Amino acid sequence: MTIHEREMTLADVIFKQQQLEREIAKLRSITYETQQETEEAHKKIAVLERRMDEINALLIELTKSSVKQGEKIDNFDKKQDVFMSNQMQLVKWFVVIIIAILTVLGGLVGIKLALPI
């Protein structure tokens, strides 16, 4: 090998080394950017998961509340049914008493007409 060939070879090696260093630097920057994006994505995912947990907790509370409201409505319906039943019995007795009073009065009027005293 001559000195010129060695210089060519040395120049080629230096050139290839510089190319490799550039590629390594490029890959490092891409890797760094990717790591940054990955970290940001993980942070966003963590925030979204916390929000989902809060929403799930609210949904559970609302479900419990709606069940309680449903129970209150059912209890009210039962109370209302009992009230209406009692109301109907009261009206029936009132009608019976009115008819009895009218019958007695009609009988008294009939007696008065039949036996004028």
PDB file of N, CA and C in Angstrom:
ATOM      1  N   MET A   1       0.822  -1.168   0.000  1.00  0.00           N
ATOM      2  CA  MET A   1       0.000   0.000   0.000  1.00  0.00           C
ATOM      3  C   MET A   1       0.873   1.241   0.000  1.00  0.00           C
ATOM      4  N   THR A   2       0.501   2.091  -0.850  1.00  0.00           N
ATOM      5  CA  THR A   2       1.266   3.333  -0.946  1.00  0.00           C
ATOM      6  C   THR A   2       0.688   4.356   0.019  1.00  0.00           C
ATOM      7  N   ILE A   3       1.418   5.416   0.177  1.00  0.00           N
ATOM      8  CA  ILE A   3       0.984   6.486   1.075  1.00  0.00           C
ATOM      9  C   ILE A   3      -0.308   7.103   0.553  1.00  0.00           C
ATOM     10  N   HIS A   4      -0.402   7.240  -0.757  1.00  0.00           N
ATOM     11  CA  HIS A   4      -1.610   7.815  -1.350  1.00  0.00           C
ATOM     12  C   HIS A   4      -2.821   6.914  -1.087  1.00  0.00           C
ATOM     13  N   GLU A   5      -2.619   5.622  -1.237  1.00  0.00           N
ATOM     14  CA  GLU A   5      -3.716   4.683  -0.983  1.00  0.00           C
ATOM     15  C   GLU A   5      -4.108   4.705   0.495  1.00  0.00           C
ATOM     16  N   ARG A   6      -3.096   4.819   1.374  1.00  0.00           N
ATOM     17  CA  ARG A   6      -3.403   4.909   2.792  1.00  0.00           C
ATOM     18  C   ARG A   6      -4.173   6.178   3.109  1.00  0.00           C
ATOM     19  N   GLU A   7      -3.779   7.277   2.513  1.00  0.00           N
ATOM     20  CA  GLU A   7      -4.482   8.537   2.727  1.00  0.00           C
ATOM     21  C   GLU A   7      -5.909   8.422   2.218  1.00  0.00           C
ATOM     22  N   MET A   8      -6.086   7.771   1.043  1.00  0.00           N
ATOM     23  CA  MET A   8      -7.431   7.567   0.511  1.00  0.00           C
ATOM     24  C   MET A   8      -8.231   6.703   1.474  1.00  0.00           C
ATOM     25  N   THR A   9      -7.595   5.674   1.916  1.00  0.00           N
ATOM     26  CA  THR A   9      -8.274   4.771   2.830  1.00  0.00           C
ATOM     27  C   THR A   9      -8.569   5.489   4.132  1.00  0.00           C
ATOM     28  N   LEU A  10      -7.625   6.246   4.647  1.00  0.00           N
ATOM     29  CA  LEU A  10      -7.834   7.006   5.870  1.00  0.00           C
ATOM     30  C   LEU A  10      -8.932   8.044   5.676  1.00  0.00           C
ATOM     31  N   ALA A  11      -8.926   8.715   4.531  1.00  0.00           N
ATOM     32  CA  ALA A  11      -9.966   9.697   4.227  1.00  0.00           C
ATOM     33  C   ALA A  11     -11.324   9.010   4.129  1.00  0.00           C
ATOM     34  N   ASP A  12     -11.335   7.845   3.483  1.00  0.00           N
ATOM     35  CA  ASP A  12     -12.593   7.091   3.387  1.00  0.00           C
ATOM     36  C   ASP A  12     -13.096   6.684   4.772  1.00  0.00           C
ATOM     37  N   VAL A  13     -12.183   6.217   5.604  1.00  0.00           N
ATOM     38  CA  VAL A  13     -12.562   5.789   6.954  1.00  0.00           C
ATOM     39  C   VAL A  13     -13.089   6.978   7.744  1.00  0.00           C
ATOM     40  N   ILE A  14     -12.403   8.121   7.645  1.00  0.00           N
ATOM     41  CA  ILE A  14     -12.852   9.326   8.357  1.00  0.00           C
ATOM     42  C   ILE A  14     -14.219   9.756   7.834  1.00  0.00           C
ATOM     43  N   PHE A  15     -14.391   9.708   6.513  1.00  0.00           N
ATOM     44  CA  PHE A  15     -15.671  10.078   5.902  1.00  0.00           C
ATOM     45  C   PHE A  15     -16.789   9.144   6.386  1.00  0.00           C
ATOM     46  N   LYS A  16     -16.507   7.852   6.375  1.00  0.00           N
ATOM     47  CA  LYS A  16     -17.499   6.877   6.833  1.00  0.00           C
ATOM     48  C   LYS A  16     -17.800   7.079   8.318  1.00  0.00           C
ATOM     49  N   GLN A  17     -16.764   7.393   9.090  1.00  0.00           N
ATOM     50  CA  GLN A  17     -16.963   7.640  10.509  1.00  0.00           C
ATOM     51  C   GLN A  17     -17.867   8.860  10.712  1.00  0.00           C
ATOM     52  N   GLN A  18     -17.632   9.916   9.946  1.00  0.00           N
ATOM     53  CA  GLN A  18     -18.466  11.111  10.048  1.00  0.00           C
ATOM     54  C   GLN A  18     -19.916  10.801   9.654  1.00  0.00           C
ATOM     55  N   GLN A  19     -20.073   9.993   8.601  1.00  0.00           N
ATOM     56  CA  GLN A  19     -21.422   9.602   8.192  1.00  0.00           C
ATOM     57  C   GLN A  19     -22.120   8.830   9.313  1.00  0.00           C
ATOM     58  N   LEU A  20     -21.382   7.892   9.891  1.00  0.00           N
ATOM     59  CA  LEU A  20     -21.955   7.106  10.984  1.00  0.00           C
ATOM     60  C   LEU A  20     -22.293   7.990  12.185  1.00  0.00           C
ATOM     61  N   GLU A  21     -21.414   8.939  12.495  1.00  0.00           N
ATOM     62  CA  GLU A  21     -21.682   9.850  13.609  1.00  0.00           C
ATOM     63  C   GLU A  21     -22.926  10.688  13.343  1.00  0.00           C
ATOM     64  N   ARG A  22     -23.095  11.147  12.070  1.00  0.00           N
ATOM     65  CA  ARG A  22     -24.297  11.908  11.704  1.00  0.00           C
ATOM     66  C   ARG A  22     -25.554  11.043  11.852  1.00  0.00           C
ATOM     67  N   GLU A  23     -25.457   9.805  11.380  1.00  0.00           N
ATOM     68  CA  GLU A  23     -26.605   8.904  11.481  1.00  0.00           C
ATOM     69  C   GLU A  23     -26.940   8.618  12.944  1.00  0.00           C
ATOM     70  N   ILE A  24     -25.888   8.405  13.749  1.00  0.00           N
ATOM     71  CA  ILE A  24     -26.109   8.161  15.177  1.00  0.00           C
ATOM     72  C   ILE A  24     -26.747   9.386  15.828  1.00  0.00           C
ATOM     73  N   ALA A  25     -26.255  10.581  15.489  1.00  0.00           N
ATOM     74  CA  ALA A  25     -26.825  11.812  16.043  1.00  0.00           C
ATOM     75  C   ALA A  25     -28.289  11.961  15.625  1.00  0.00           C
ATOM     76  N   LYS A  26     -28.563  11.650  14.352  1.00  0.00           N
ATOM     77  CA  LYS A  26     -29.938  11.737  13.857  1.00  0.00           C
ATOM     78  C   LYS A  26     -30.839  10.745  14.599  1.00  0.00           C
ATOM     79  N   LEU A  27     -30.342   9.520  14.759  1.00  0.00           N
ATOM     80  CA  LEU A  27     -31.124   8.509  15.469  1.00  0.00           C
ATOM     81  C   LEU A  27     -31.336   8.892  16.931  1.00  0.00           C
ATOM     82  N   ARG A  28     -30.309   9.479  17.546  1.00  0.00           N
ATOM     83  CA  ARG A  28     -30.456   9.925  18.932  1.00  0.00           C
ATOM     84  C   ARG A  28     -31.509  11.019  19.045  1.00  0.00           C
ATOM     85  N   SER A  29     -31.485  11.970  18.104  1.00  0.00           N
ATOM     86  CA  SER A  29     -32.477  13.047  18.163  1.00  0.00           C
ATOM     87  C   SER A  29     -33.887  12.500  17.933  1.00  0.00           C
ATOM     88  N   ILE A  30     -34.009  11.563  16.985  1.00  0.00           N
ATOM     89  CA  ILE A  30     -35.323  10.950  16.736  1.00  0.00           C
ATOM     90  C   ILE A  30     -35.782  10.179  17.972  1.00  0.00           C
ATOM     91  N   THR A  31     -34.844   9.439  18.569  1.00  0.00           N
ATOM     92  CA  THR A  31     -35.174   8.676  19.777  1.00  0.00           C
ATOM     93  C   THR A  31     -35.570   9.608  20.908  1.00  0.00           C
ATOM     94  N   TYR A  32     -34.851  10.713  21.069  1.00  0.00           N
ATOM     95  CA  TYR A  32     -35.171  11.678  22.120  1.00  0.00           C
ATOM     96  C   TYR A  32     -36.561  12.263  21.899  1.00  0.00           C
ATOM     97  N   GLU A  33     -36.841  12.658  20.646  1.00  0.00           N
ATOM     98  CA  GLU A  33     -38.163  13.206  20.324  1.00  0.00           C
ATOM     99  C   GLU A  33     -39.253  12.168  20.584  1.00  0.00           C
ATOM    100  N   THR A  34     -38.978  10.936  20.207  1.00  0.00           N
ATOM    101  CA  THR A  34     -39.956   9.870  20.422  1.00  0.00           C
ATOM    102  C   THR A  34     -40.189   9.651  21.910  1.00  0.00           C
ATOM    103  N   GLN A  35     -39.097   9.698  22.685  1.00  0.00           N
ATOM    104  CA  GLN A  35     -39.242   9.531  24.132  1.00  0.00           C
ATOM    105  C   GLN A  35     -40.064  10.675  24.727  1.00  0.00           C
ATOM    106  N   GLN A  36     -39.809  11.895  24.243  1.00  0.00           N
ATOM    107  CA  GLN A  36     -40.573  13.049  24.726  1.00  0.00           C
ATOM    108  C   GLN A  36     -42.053  12.879  24.398  1.00  0.00           C
ATOM    109  N   GLU A  37     -42.338  12.470  23.158  1.00  0.00           N
ATOM    110  CA  GLU A  37     -43.727  12.269  22.748  1.00  0.00           C
ATOM    111  C   GLU A  37     -44.365  11.144  23.554  1.00  0.00           C
ATOM    112  N   THR A  38     -43.589  10.100  23.816  1.00  0.00           N
ATOM    113  CA  THR A  38     -44.105   8.979  24.606  1.00  0.00           C
ATOM    114  C   THR A  38     -44.426   9.423  26.026  1.00  0.00           C
ATOM    115  N   GLU A  39     -43.544  10.213  26.620  1.00  0.00           N
ATOM    116  CA  GLU A  39     -43.791  10.710  27.975  1.00  0.00           C
ATOM    117  C   GLU A  39     -45.033  11.594  28.005  1.00  0.00           C
ATOM    118  N   GLU A  40     -45.170  12.470  27.008  1.00  0.00           N
ATOM    119  CA  GLU A  40     -46.350  13.329  26.935  1.00  0.00           C
ATOM    120  C   GLU A  40     -47.614  12.489  26.764  1.00  0.00           C
ATOM    121  N   ALA A  41     -47.525  11.472  25.924  1.00  0.00           N
ATOM    122  CA  ALA A  41     -48.684  10.600  25.709  1.00  0.00           C
ATOM    123  C   ALA A  41     -49.054   9.878  26.999  1.00  0.00           C
ATOM    124  N   HIS A  42     -48.053   9.407  27.742  1.00  0.00           N
ATOM    125  CA  HIS A  42     -48.332   8.734  29.011  1.00  0.00           C
ATOM    126  C   HIS A  42     -48.974   9.690  30.017  1.00  0.00           C
ATOM    127  N   LYS A  43     -48.503  10.939  30.040  1.00  0.00           N
ATOM    128  CA  LYS A  43     -49.098  11.932  30.939  1.00  0.00           C
ATOM    129  C   LYS A  43     -50.555  12.186  30.565  1.00  0.00           C
ATOM    130  N   LYS A  44     -50.812  12.344  29.263  1.00  0.00           N
ATOM    131  CA  LYS A  44     -52.189  12.575  28.811  1.00  0.00           C
ATOM    132  C   LYS A  44     -53.076  11.378  29.135  1.00  0.00           C
ATOM    133  N   ILE A  45     -52.541  10.180  28.943  1.00  0.00           N
ATOM    134  CA  ILE A  45     -53.307   8.967  29.260  1.00  0.00           C
ATOM    135  C   ILE A  45     -53.630   8.924  30.748  1.00  0.00           C
ATOM    136  N   ALA A  46     -52.661   9.282  31.588  1.00  0.00           N
ATOM    137  CA  ALA A  46     -52.887   9.276  33.038  1.00  0.00           C
ATOM    138  C   ALA A  46     -53.977  10.277  33.418  1.00  0.00           C
ATOM    139  N   VAL A  47     -53.931  11.467  32.810  1.00  0.00           N
ATOM    140  CA  VAL A  47     -54.956  12.479  33.088  1.00  0.00           C
ATOM    141  C   VAL A  47     -56.327  11.981  32.646  1.00  0.00           C
ATOM    142  N   LEU A  48     -56.393  11.411  31.457  1.00  0.00           N
ATOM    143  CA  LEU A  48     -57.671  10.901  30.954  1.00  0.00           C
ATOM    144  C   LEU A  48     -58.197   9.755  31.810  1.00  0.00           C
ATOM    145  N   GLU A  49     -57.302   8.897  32.282  1.00  0.00           N
ATOM    146  CA  GLU A  49     -57.735   7.801  33.155  1.00  0.00           C
ATOM    147  C   GLU A  49     -58.293   8.338  34.466  1.00  0.00           C
ATOM    148  N   ARG A  50     -57.657   9.393  35.016  1.00  0.00           N
ATOM    149  CA  ARG A  50     -58.182  10.002  36.238  1.00  0.00           C
ATOM    150  C   ARG A  50     -59.567  10.588  35.998  1.00  0.00           C
ATOM    151  N   ARG A  51     -59.718  11.258  34.853  1.00  0.00           N
ATOM    152  CA  ARG A  51     -61.035  11.826  34.520  1.00  0.00           C
ATOM    153  C   ARG A  51     -62.084  10.727  34.370  1.00  0.00           C
ATOM    154  N   MET A  52     -61.702   9.614  33.737  1.00  0.00           N
ATOM    155  CA  MET A  52     -62.633   8.498  33.577  1.00  0.00           C
ATOM    156  C   MET A  52     -63.027   7.928  34.942  1.00  0.00           C
ATOM    157  N   ASP A  53     -62.063   7.842  35.865  1.00  0.00           N
ATOM    158  CA  ASP A  53     -62.369   7.358  37.211  1.00  0.00           C
ATOM    159  C   ASP A  53     -63.362   8.290  37.908  1.00  0.00           C
ATOM    160  N   GLU A  54     -63.149   9.615  37.747  1.00  0.00           N
ATOM    161  CA  GLU A  54     -64.069  10.580  38.344  1.00  0.00           C
ATOM    162  C   GLU A  54     -65.464  10.436  37.745  1.00  0.00           C
ATOM    163  N   ILE A  55     -65.527  10.279  36.424  1.00  0.00           N
ATOM    164  CA  ILE A  55     -66.821  10.123  35.755  1.00  0.00           C
ATOM    165  C   ILE A  55     -67.498   8.840  36.211  1.00  0.00           C
ATOM    166  N   ASN A  56     -66.741   7.760  36.335  1.00  0.00           N
ATOM    167  CA  ASN A  56     -67.317   6.496  36.810  1.00  0.00           C
ATOM    168  C   ASN A  56     -67.853   6.637  38.229  1.00  0.00           C
ATOM    169  N   ALA A  57     -67.121   7.356  39.076  1.00  0.00           N
ATOM    170  CA  ALA A  57     -67.585   7.573  40.451  1.00  0.00           C
ATOM    171  C   ALA A  57     -68.882   8.376  40.454  1.00  0.00           C
ATOM    172  N   LEU A  58     -68.955   9.398  39.600  1.00  0.00           N
ATOM    173  CA  LEU A  58     -70.186  10.188  39.500  1.00  0.00           C
ATOM    174  C   LEU A  58     -71.344   9.338  39.001  1.00  0.00           C
ATOM    175  N   LEU A  59     -71.075   8.489  38.023  1.00  0.00           N
ATOM    176  CA  LEU A  59     -72.132   7.616  37.506  1.00  0.00           C
ATOM    177  C   LEU A  59     -72.642   6.668  38.583  1.00  0.00           C
ATOM    178  N   ILE A  60     -71.733   6.139  39.378  1.00  0.00           N
ATOM    179  CA  ILE A  60     -72.143   5.244  40.462  1.00  0.00           C
ATOM    180  C   ILE A  60     -73.012   5.997  41.463  1.00  0.00           C
ATOM    181  N   GLU A  61     -72.612   7.222  41.814  1.00  0.00           N
ATOM    182  CA  GLU A  61     -73.401   8.028  42.747  1.00  0.00           C
ATOM    183  C   GLU A  61     -74.778   8.332  42.173  1.00  0.00           C
ATOM    184  N   LEU A  62     -74.814   8.699  40.886  1.00  0.00           N
ATOM    185  CA  LEU A  62     -76.102   9.000  40.254  1.00  0.00           C
ATOM    186  C   LEU A  62     -76.987   7.768  40.199  1.00  0.00           C
ATOM    187  N   THR A  63     -76.398   6.619  39.945  1.00  0.00           N
ATOM    188  CA  THR A  63     -77.173   5.381  39.904  1.00  0.00           C
ATOM    189  C   THR A  63     -77.762   5.090  41.279  1.00  0.00           C
ATOM    190  N   LYS A  64     -76.939   5.237  42.324  1.00  0.00           N
ATOM    191  CA  LYS A  64     -77.441   5.019  43.682  1.00  0.00           C
ATOM    192  C   LYS A  64     -78.561   6.001  43.996  1.00  0.00           C
ATOM    193  N   SER A  65     -78.372   7.254  43.604  1.00  0.00           N
ATOM    194  CA  SER A  65     -79.376   8.279  43.861  1.00  0.00           C
ATOM    195  C   SER A  65     -80.673   7.961  43.134  1.00  0.00           C
ATOM    196  N   SER A  66     -80.574   7.517  41.881  1.00  0.00           N
ATOM    197  CA  SER A  66     -81.790   7.214  41.124  1.00  0.00           C
ATOM    198  C   SER A  66     -82.498   6.000  41.704  1.00  0.00           C
ATOM    199  N   VAL A  67     -81.751   5.035  42.228  1.00  0.00           N
ATOM    200  CA  VAL A  67     -82.373   3.874  42.880  1.00  0.00           C
ATOM    201  C   VAL A  67     -83.121   4.330  44.129  1.00  0.00           C
ATOM    202  N   LYS A  68     -82.495   5.218  44.914  1.00  0.00           N
ATOM    203  CA  LYS A  68     -83.160   5.737  46.109  1.00  0.00           C
ATOM    204  C   LYS A  68     -84.426   6.496  45.730  1.00  0.00           C
ATOM    205  N   GLN A  69     -84.341   7.313  44.673  1.00  0.00           N
ATOM    206  CA  GLN A  69     -85.518   8.056  44.220  1.00  0.00           C
ATOM    207  C   GLN A  69     -86.610   7.100  43.767  1.00  0.00           C
ATOM    208  N   GLY A  70     -86.224   6.033  43.073  1.00  0.00           N
ATOM    209  CA  GLY A  70     -87.195   5.031  42.629  1.00  0.00           C
ATOM    210  C   GLY A  70     -87.887   4.374  43.807  1.00  0.00           C
ATOM    211  N   GLU A  71     -87.122   4.081  44.865  1.00  0.00           N
ATOM    212  CA  GLU A  71     -87.715   3.493  46.067  1.00  0.00           C
ATOM    213  C   GLU A  71     -88.681   4.470  46.720  1.00  0.00           C
ATOM    214  N   LYS A  72     -88.309   5.750  46.763  1.00  0.00           N
ATOM    215  CA  LYS A  72     -89.202   6.755  47.342  1.00  0.00           C
ATOM    216  C   LYS A  72     -90.491   6.846  46.533  1.00  0.00           C
ATOM    217  N   ILE A  73     -90.369   6.795  45.212  1.00  0.00           N
ATOM    218  CA  ILE A  73     -91.556   6.863  44.355  1.00  0.00           C
ATOM    219  C   ILE A  73     -92.434   5.644  44.583  1.00  0.00           C
ATOM    220  N   ASP A  74     -91.826   4.461  44.687  1.00  0.00           N
ATOM    221  CA  ASP A  74     -92.607   3.248  44.951  1.00  0.00           C
ATOM    222  C   ASP A  74     -93.338   3.358  46.284  1.00  0.00           C
ATOM    223  N   ASN A  75     -92.639   3.847  47.308  1.00  0.00           N
ATOM    224  CA  ASN A  75     -93.273   4.018  48.618  1.00  0.00           C
ATOM    225  C   ASN A  75     -94.417   5.018  48.533  1.00  0.00           C
ATOM    226  N   PHE A  76     -94.218   6.097  47.786  1.00  0.00           N
ATOM    227  CA  PHE A  76     -95.269   7.093  47.617  1.00  0.00           C
ATOM    228  C   PHE A  76     -96.464   6.484  46.900  1.00  0.00           C
ATOM    229  N   ASP A  77     -96.220   5.678  45.867  1.00  0.00           N
ATOM    230  CA  ASP A  77     -97.315   5.025  45.141  1.00  0.00           C
ATOM    231  C   ASP A  77     -98.123   4.133  46.071  1.00  0.00           C
ATOM    232  N   LYS A  78     -97.453   3.383  46.936  1.00  0.00           N
ATOM    233  CA  LYS A  78     -98.163   2.515  47.877  1.00  0.00           C
ATOM    234  C   LYS A  78     -98.991   3.344  48.848  1.00  0.00           C
ATOM    235  N   LYS A  79     -98.408   4.417  49.347  1.00  0.00           N
ATOM    236  CA  LYS A  79     -99.135   5.291  50.271  1.00  0.00           C
ATOM    237  C   LYS A  79    -100.330   5.932  49.574  1.00  0.00           C
ATOM    238  N   GLN A  80    -100.117   6.318  48.318  1.00  0.00           N
ATOM    239  CA  GLN A  80    -101.206   6.932  47.561  1.00  0.00           C
ATOM    240  C   GLN A  80    -102.326   5.920  47.317  1.00  0.00           C
ATOM    241  N   ASP A  81    -101.978   4.667  47.037  1.00  0.00           N
ATOM    242  CA  ASP A  81    -102.992   3.628  46.845  1.00  0.00           C
ATOM    243  C   ASP A  81    -103.802   3.422  48.121  1.00  0.00           C
ATOM    244  N   VAL A  82    -103.130   3.382  49.256  1.00  0.00           N
ATOM    245  CA  VAL A  82    -103.827   3.218  50.539  1.00  0.00           C
ATOM    246  C   VAL A  82    -104.735   4.417  50.787  1.00  0.00           C
ATOM    247  N   PHE A  83    -104.233   5.610  50.521  1.00  0.00           N
ATOM    248  CA  PHE A  83    -105.025   6.823  50.711  1.00  0.00           C
ATOM    249  C   PHE A  83    -106.273   6.805  49.838  1.00  0.00           C
ATOM    250  N   MET A  84    -106.098   6.445  48.566  1.00  0.00           N
ATOM    251  CA  MET A  84    -107.247   6.410  47.652  1.00  0.00           C
ATOM    252  C   MET A  84    -108.250   5.342  48.080  1.00  0.00           C
ATOM    253  N   SER A  85    -107.782   4.214  48.568  1.00  0.00           N
ATOM    254  CA  SER A  85    -108.669   3.160  49.057  1.00  0.00           C
ATOM    255  C   SER A  85    -109.473   3.664  50.253  1.00  0.00           C
ATOM    256  N   ASN A  86    -108.797   4.313  51.188  1.00  0.00           N
ATOM    257  CA  ASN A  86    -109.489   4.880  52.350  1.00  0.00           C
ATOM    258  C   ASN A  86    -110.472   5.963  51.924  1.00  0.00           C
ATOM    259  N   GLN A  87    -110.091   6.754  50.946  1.00  0.00           N
ATOM    260  CA  GLN A  87    -110.955   7.819  50.440  1.00  0.00           C
ATOM    261  C   GLN A  87    -112.229   7.232  49.837  1.00  0.00           C
ATOM    262  N   MET A  88    -112.086   6.154  49.069  1.00  0.00           N
ATOM    263  CA  MET A  88    -113.250   5.518  48.449  1.00  0.00           C
ATOM    264  C   MET A  88    -114.166   4.931  49.520  1.00  0.00           C
ATOM    265  N   GLN A  89    -113.607   4.321  50.560  1.00  0.00           N
ATOM    266  CA  GLN A  89    -114.431   3.792  51.651  1.00  0.00           C
ATOM    267  C   GLN A  89    -115.175   4.918  52.360  1.00  0.00           C
ATOM    268  N   LEU A  90    -114.511   6.035  52.557  1.00  0.00           N
ATOM    269  CA  LEU A  90    -115.136   7.186  53.195  1.00  0.00           C
ATOM    270  C   LEU A  90    -116.296   7.702  52.357  1.00  0.00           C
ATOM    271  N   VAL A  91    -116.098   7.799  51.053  1.00  0.00           N
ATOM    272  CA  VAL A  91    -117.158   8.267  50.156  1.00  0.00           C
ATOM    273  C   VAL A  91    -118.329   7.285  50.183  1.00  0.00           C
ATOM    274  N   LYS A  92    -118.061   5.997  50.168  1.00  0.00           N
ATOM    275  CA  LYS A  92    -119.137   4.990  50.216  1.00  0.00           C
ATOM    276  C   LYS A  92    -119.952   5.131  51.499  1.00  0.00           C
ATOM    277  N   TRP A  93    -119.264   5.271  52.642  1.00  0.00           N
ATOM    278  CA  TRP A  93    -119.981   5.420  53.906  1.00  0.00           C
ATOM    279  C   TRP A  93    -120.772   6.726  53.943  1.00  0.00           C
ATOM    280  N   PHE A  94    -120.199   7.768  53.380  1.00  0.00           N
ATOM    281  CA  PHE A  94    -120.903   9.049  53.325  1.00  0.00           C
ATOM    282  C   PHE A  94    -122.183   8.919  52.501  1.00  0.00           C
ATOM    283  N   VAL A  95    -122.108   8.248  51.355  1.00  0.00           N
ATOM    284  CA  VAL A  95    -123.279   8.037  50.501  1.00  0.00           C
ATOM    285  C   VAL A  95    -124.316   7.186  51.231  1.00  0.00           C
ATOM    286  N   VAL A  96    -123.879   6.144  51.923  1.00  0.00           N
ATOM    287  CA  VAL A  96    -124.810   5.290  52.680  1.00  0.00           C
ATOM    288  C   VAL A  96    -125.518   6.102  53.760  1.00  0.00           C
ATOM    289  N   ILE A  97    -124.788   6.933  54.471  1.00  0.00           N
ATOM    290  CA  ILE A  97    -125.385   7.754  55.536  1.00  0.00           C
ATOM    291  C   ILE A  97    -126.384   8.744  54.945  1.00  0.00           C
ATOM    292  N   ILE A  98    -126.035   9.394  53.835  1.00  0.00           N
ATOM    293  CA  ILE A  98    -126.937  10.357  53.185  1.00  0.00           C
ATOM    294  C   ILE A  98    -128.218   9.646  52.742  1.00  0.00           C
ATOM    295  N   ILE A  99    -128.072   8.475  52.130  1.00  0.00           N
ATOM    296  CA  ILE A  99    -129.253   7.719  51.676  1.00  0.00           C
ATOM    297  C   ILE A  99    -130.103   7.310  52.881  1.00  0.00           C
ATOM    298  N   ALA A 100    -129.456   6.902  53.971  1.00  0.00           N
ATOM    299  CA  ALA A 100    -130.201   6.525  55.178  1.00  0.00           C
ATOM    300  C   ALA A 100    -130.965   7.718  55.731  1.00  0.00           C
ATOM    301  N   ILE A 101    -130.306   8.874  55.779  1.00  0.00           N
ATOM    302  CA  ILE A 101    -130.970  10.087  56.284  1.00  0.00           C
ATOM    303  C   ILE A 101    -132.147  10.450  55.388  1.00  0.00           C
ATOM    304  N   LEU A 102    -131.955  10.402  54.071  1.00  0.00           N
ATOM    305  CA  LEU A 102    -133.041  10.726  53.148  1.00  0.00           C
ATOM    306  C   LEU A 102    -134.188   9.721  53.271  1.00  0.00           C
ATOM    307  N   THR A 103    -133.856   8.462  53.477  1.00  0.00           N
ATOM    308  CA  THR A 103    -134.898   7.442  53.651  1.00  0.00           C
ATOM    309  C   THR A 103    -135.697   7.712  54.919  1.00  0.00           C
ATOM    310  N   VAL A 104    -134.996   8.015  56.002  1.00  0.00           N
ATOM    311  CA  VAL A 104    -135.681   8.318  57.262  1.00  0.00           C
ATOM    312  C   VAL A 104    -136.539   9.562  57.100  1.00  0.00           C
ATOM    313  N   LEU A 105    -135.987  10.609  56.487  1.00  0.00           N
ATOM    314  CA  LEU A 105    -136.765  11.837  56.277  1.00  0.00           C
ATOM    315  C   LEU A 105    -137.961  11.574  55.366  1.00  0.00           C
ATOM    316  N   GLY A 106    -137.734  10.797  54.317  1.00  0.00           N
ATOM    317  CA  GLY A 106    -138.844  10.451  53.417  1.00  0.00           C
ATOM    318  C   GLY A 106    -139.918   9.663  54.145  1.00  0.00           C
ATOM    319  N   GLY A 107    -139.486   8.758  55.009  1.00  0.00           N
ATOM    320  CA  GLY A 107    -140.454   7.989  55.802  1.00  0.00           C
ATOM    321  C   GLY A 107    -141.225   8.883  56.744  1.00  0.00           C
ATOM    322  N   LEU A 108    -140.538   9.814  57.384  1.00  0.00           N
ATOM    323  CA  LEU A 108    -141.211  10.739  58.291  1.00  0.00           C
ATOM    324  C   LEU A 108    -142.193  11.632  57.545  1.00  0.00           C
ATOM    325  N   VAL A 109    -141.785  12.093  56.370  1.00  0.00           N
ATOM    326  CA  VAL A 109    -142.672  12.927  55.560  1.00  0.00           C
ATOM    327  C   VAL A 109    -143.874  12.095  55.120  1.00  0.00           C
ATOM    328  N   GLY A 110    -143.641  10.847  54.753  1.00  0.00           N
ATOM    329  CA  GLY A 110    -144.739   9.966  54.348  1.00  0.00           C
ATOM    330  C   GLY A 110    -145.701   9.711  55.489  1.00  0.00           C
ATOM    331  N   ILE A 111    -145.148   9.520  56.670  1.00  0.00           N
ATOM    332  CA  ILE A 111    -146.004   9.310  57.839  1.00  0.00           C
ATOM    333  C   ILE A 111    -146.805  10.573  58.120  1.00  0.00           C
ATOM    334  N   LYS A 112    -146.166  11.703  57.994  1.00  0.00           N
ATOM    335  CA  LYS A 112    -146.832  12.984  58.251  1.00  0.00           C
ATOM    336  C   LYS A 112    -147.972  13.186  57.262  1.00  0.00           C
ATOM    337  N   LEU A 113    -147.722  12.794  55.999  1.00  0.00           N
ATOM    338  CA  LEU A 113    -148.767  12.939  54.993  1.00  0.00           C
ATOM    339  C   LEU A 113    -149.900  11.935  55.221  1.00  0.00           C
ATOM    340  N   ALA A 114    -149.530  10.747  55.643  1.00  0.00           N
ATOM    341  CA  ALA A 114    -150.550   9.711  55.840  1.00  0.00           C
ATOM    342  C   ALA A 114    -151.351   9.964  57.115  1.00  0.00           C
ATOM    343  N   LEU A 115    -150.710  10.431  58.114  1.00  0.00           N
ATOM    344  CA  LEU A 115    -151.380  10.683  59.387  1.00  0.00           C
ATOM    345  C   LEU A 115    -151.242  12.153  59.773  1.00  0.00           C
ATOM    346  N   PRO A 116    -152.068  12.990  59.235  1.00  0.00           N
ATOM    347  CA  PRO A 116    -151.946  14.397  59.622  1.00  0.00           C
ATOM    348  C   PRO A 116    -152.387  14.595  61.081  1.00  0.00           C
ATOM    349  N   ILE A 117    -151.517  14.983  61.906  1.00  0.00           N
ATOM    350  CA  ILE A 117    -151.852  15.161  63.314  1.00  0.00           C
ATOM    351  C   ILE A 117    -151.972  16.636  63.634  1.00  0.00           C
TER     352      ILE A 117
END
